[in-house]
Protein backbone atom coordinates (compact mmCIF):
# COMPACT_ATOMS: atom_id res chain seq x y z
CA MET A 1 15.86 0.96 12.17
CA ASN A 2 15.78 -2.75 12.93
CA LYS A 3 13.87 -5.70 11.53
CA GLN A 4 11.43 -5.80 14.44
CA ASP A 5 10.49 -2.15 13.83
CA ILE A 6 10.00 -2.77 10.11
CA GLN A 7 7.85 -5.83 10.81
CA LEU A 8 5.67 -3.81 13.21
CA LEU A 9 5.22 -1.04 10.64
CA TYR A 10 4.23 -3.51 7.95
CA LYS A 11 1.77 -5.24 10.26
CA TYR A 12 0.29 -1.80 10.92
CA ASN A 13 0.23 -1.11 7.19
CA ASN A 14 -1.74 -4.33 6.58
CA TRP A 15 -4.12 -3.58 9.43
CA ALA A 16 -4.82 -0.08 8.16
CA ASN A 17 -5.26 -1.34 4.58
CA SER A 18 -7.73 -3.93 5.88
CA ARG A 19 -9.77 -1.26 7.64
CA ILE A 20 -10.06 0.67 4.38
CA LEU A 21 -10.88 -2.42 2.31
CA ASP A 22 -13.43 -3.65 4.87
CA ALA A 23 -15.23 -0.30 4.74
CA ALA A 24 -15.08 -0.26 0.94
CA GLU A 25 -16.83 -3.66 0.81
CA ASN A 26 -20.05 -1.79 1.60
CA LEU A 27 -19.93 0.26 -1.60
CA THR A 28 -21.85 -0.40 -4.75
CA GLU A 29 -19.74 -0.98 -7.86
CA GLU A 30 -20.89 2.44 -9.08
CA GLN A 31 -19.52 4.08 -5.94
CA PHE A 32 -16.26 2.13 -6.23
CA LEU A 33 -15.81 3.19 -9.86
CA ALA A 34 -17.00 6.79 -9.46
CA PRO A 35 -14.51 9.55 -10.29
CA ALA A 36 -13.44 12.06 -7.64
CA SER A 37 -11.17 15.08 -7.44
CA TYR A 38 -8.43 13.41 -5.39
CA PRO A 39 -4.89 13.09 -6.84
CA HIS A 40 -5.52 9.55 -8.10
CA GLY A 41 -9.21 10.00 -8.82
CA GLY A 42 -11.87 8.06 -6.99
CA LEU A 43 -11.61 5.13 -4.67
CA ARG A 44 -10.60 2.63 -7.34
CA GLY A 45 -7.76 4.88 -8.52
CA THR A 46 -6.56 5.62 -5.00
CA LEU A 47 -6.59 1.98 -3.89
CA THR A 48 -4.88 0.92 -7.10
CA HIS A 49 -2.18 3.50 -6.44
CA ILE A 50 -1.54 2.12 -2.93
CA LEU A 51 -1.38 -1.44 -4.22
CA PHE A 52 0.84 -0.43 -7.12
CA ALA A 53 3.35 1.25 -4.78
CA GLU A 54 3.58 -1.79 -2.52
CA TRP A 55 4.07 -4.10 -5.52
CA LEU A 56 6.56 -1.81 -7.26
CA TRP A 57 8.79 -1.26 -4.26
CA ARG A 58 8.78 -4.92 -3.25
CA LEU A 59 9.97 -5.86 -6.71
CA ARG A 60 12.63 -3.16 -6.61
CA TRP A 61 13.90 -4.53 -3.30
CA GLN A 62 14.07 -7.95 -4.92
CA GLY A 63 16.17 -6.64 -7.81
CA GLU A 64 13.49 -6.01 -10.44
CA SER A 65 12.49 -2.63 -11.84
CA PRO A 66 9.09 -2.82 -13.52
CA THR A 67 8.49 -0.36 -16.33
CA VAL A 68 4.71 -0.73 -16.29
CA ARG A 69 2.27 0.78 -13.86
CA MET A 70 -0.89 -0.74 -12.47
CA LYS A 71 -3.88 1.21 -13.72
CA PRO A 72 -7.35 1.53 -12.21
CA GLU A 73 -8.73 -0.08 -15.36
CA ASP A 74 -6.80 -3.24 -14.44
CA PHE A 75 -9.45 -3.78 -11.74
CA VAL A 76 -12.94 -3.76 -13.19
CA THR A 77 -14.52 -4.71 -9.85
CA PHE A 78 -13.74 -4.17 -6.21
CA ASN A 79 -13.42 -7.93 -5.82
CA SER A 80 -10.73 -8.14 -8.51
CA LEU A 81 -8.72 -5.49 -6.65
CA CYS A 82 -9.10 -7.37 -3.36
CA VAL A 83 -7.97 -10.67 -4.87
CA ARG A 84 -4.80 -9.02 -6.17
CA TRP A 85 -4.31 -7.18 -2.86
CA VAL A 86 -4.37 -10.40 -0.84
CA GLN A 87 -1.75 -11.92 -3.15
CA GLU A 88 0.52 -8.89 -2.89
CA GLU A 89 0.13 -8.60 0.88
CA LYS A 90 1.40 -12.16 1.29
CA LEU A 91 4.37 -11.60 -1.02
CA LEU A 92 5.25 -8.36 0.73
CA MET A 93 5.04 -9.88 4.21
CA ASP A 94 7.10 -12.86 3.07
CA PHE A 95 9.76 -10.38 1.95
CA VAL A 96 9.59 -8.41 5.22
CA ASP A 97 9.67 -11.52 7.40
CA GLY A 98 12.53 -13.08 5.42
CA LEU A 99 14.68 -9.95 5.48
CA LYS A 100 18.06 -10.16 7.19
CA GLU A 101 18.48 -7.25 9.60
CA GLU A 102 21.92 -6.32 8.26
CA LYS A 103 20.36 -5.68 4.82
CA LEU A 104 18.27 -2.78 6.16
CA ASP A 105 21.22 -0.37 6.02
CA ASN A 106 22.32 -1.51 2.57
CA THR A 107 21.70 0.51 -0.54
CA PHE A 108 19.93 -0.96 -3.54
CA ASN A 109 19.84 0.16 -7.14
CA TYR A 110 16.68 0.42 -9.19
CA TYR A 111 15.17 2.17 -12.15
CA THR A 112 12.09 4.34 -12.12
CA THR A 113 9.25 3.30 -14.39
CA GLU A 114 10.64 5.87 -16.84
CA GLY A 115 14.08 4.20 -16.79
CA GLU A 116 16.01 6.64 -14.57
CA PRO A 117 18.65 4.85 -12.45
CA LEU A 118 18.49 5.57 -8.72
CA GLN A 119 19.85 4.22 -5.45
CA ARG A 120 18.30 4.20 -1.95
CA ILE A 121 18.92 2.78 1.50
CA LEU A 122 16.56 -0.15 2.05
CA TRP A 123 15.09 0.85 5.43
CA GLN A 124 14.33 4.34 4.13
CA ALA A 125 12.50 3.00 1.09
CA MET A 126 10.58 0.59 3.31
CA MET A 127 9.54 3.46 5.58
CA HIS A 128 8.49 5.42 2.51
CA VAL A 129 6.04 2.70 1.45
CA VAL A 130 4.26 2.75 4.81
CA ASN A 131 4.20 6.56 4.90
CA HIS A 132 2.97 6.69 1.29
CA GLY A 133 0.17 4.30 2.17
CA THR A 134 -0.81 6.48 5.12
CA GLN A 135 -1.25 9.48 2.84
CA HIS A 136 -3.42 7.69 0.33
CA ARG A 137 -5.38 5.69 2.92
CA SER A 138 -6.39 9.01 4.42
CA GLU A 139 -7.73 10.08 1.02
CA ALA A 140 -9.59 6.78 0.70
CA ALA A 141 -10.95 7.19 4.25
CA ALA A 142 -12.25 10.66 3.38
CA MET A 143 -14.02 9.30 0.29
CA LEU A 144 -15.51 6.41 2.25
CA THR A 145 -16.66 8.74 5.01
CA GLU A 146 -18.32 11.03 2.46
CA LEU A 147 -20.22 7.98 1.20
CA GLY A 148 -21.32 7.01 4.71
CA TYR A 149 -18.83 4.18 5.30
CA SER A 150 -16.09 5.57 7.50
CA PRO A 151 -13.32 3.07 8.24
CA GLY A 152 -12.91 4.66 11.67
CA ASP A 153 -9.52 5.63 13.02
CA ILE A 154 -6.60 4.10 11.17
CA ASP A 155 -3.67 5.52 13.08
CA LEU A 156 -0.70 3.68 14.52
CA MET A 157 -1.61 4.32 18.15
CA LEU A 158 -5.01 2.64 17.74
CA PHE A 159 -3.29 -0.32 16.10
CA LEU A 160 -0.89 -0.54 19.04
CA ARG A 161 -3.71 -0.17 21.60
CA GLU A 162 -5.61 -2.97 19.92
CA GLY A 163 -2.62 -5.21 20.52
CA SER A 164 -1.11 -5.08 17.04
């Protein structure tokens, strides 16, 4: 894995997140807040989980290990979630763009939110975040589609065809 590959994957990640958020803009607040039987609840819970993972891992890569989790209740409106998302996206891309290629193969130490010490290789953890987002974006896309607001295809090949 090299820096150029990681940058491409994170640009894809942002593009796919944007497709989901753009579709979700059409929802009423009631639809955004509604519960659902997905692993992280409804759309608010699922989107919060994606954002939380991106924030948590970025901080871990920067040497911090947060012990708190973002909760759906932290975002009382869709707009409040979007404002925080834009901030995190910039911080995450600043990290990705500023990364030295030789660091990708390095291990880093961190603690889980429960305090368990762990160690990972940076590029693998960075791949995990994109893959994790793919899983939960697909859940969000299913919810949005059920509500009549499909985000359309959000796969990597479409991103590449559109010129990334």
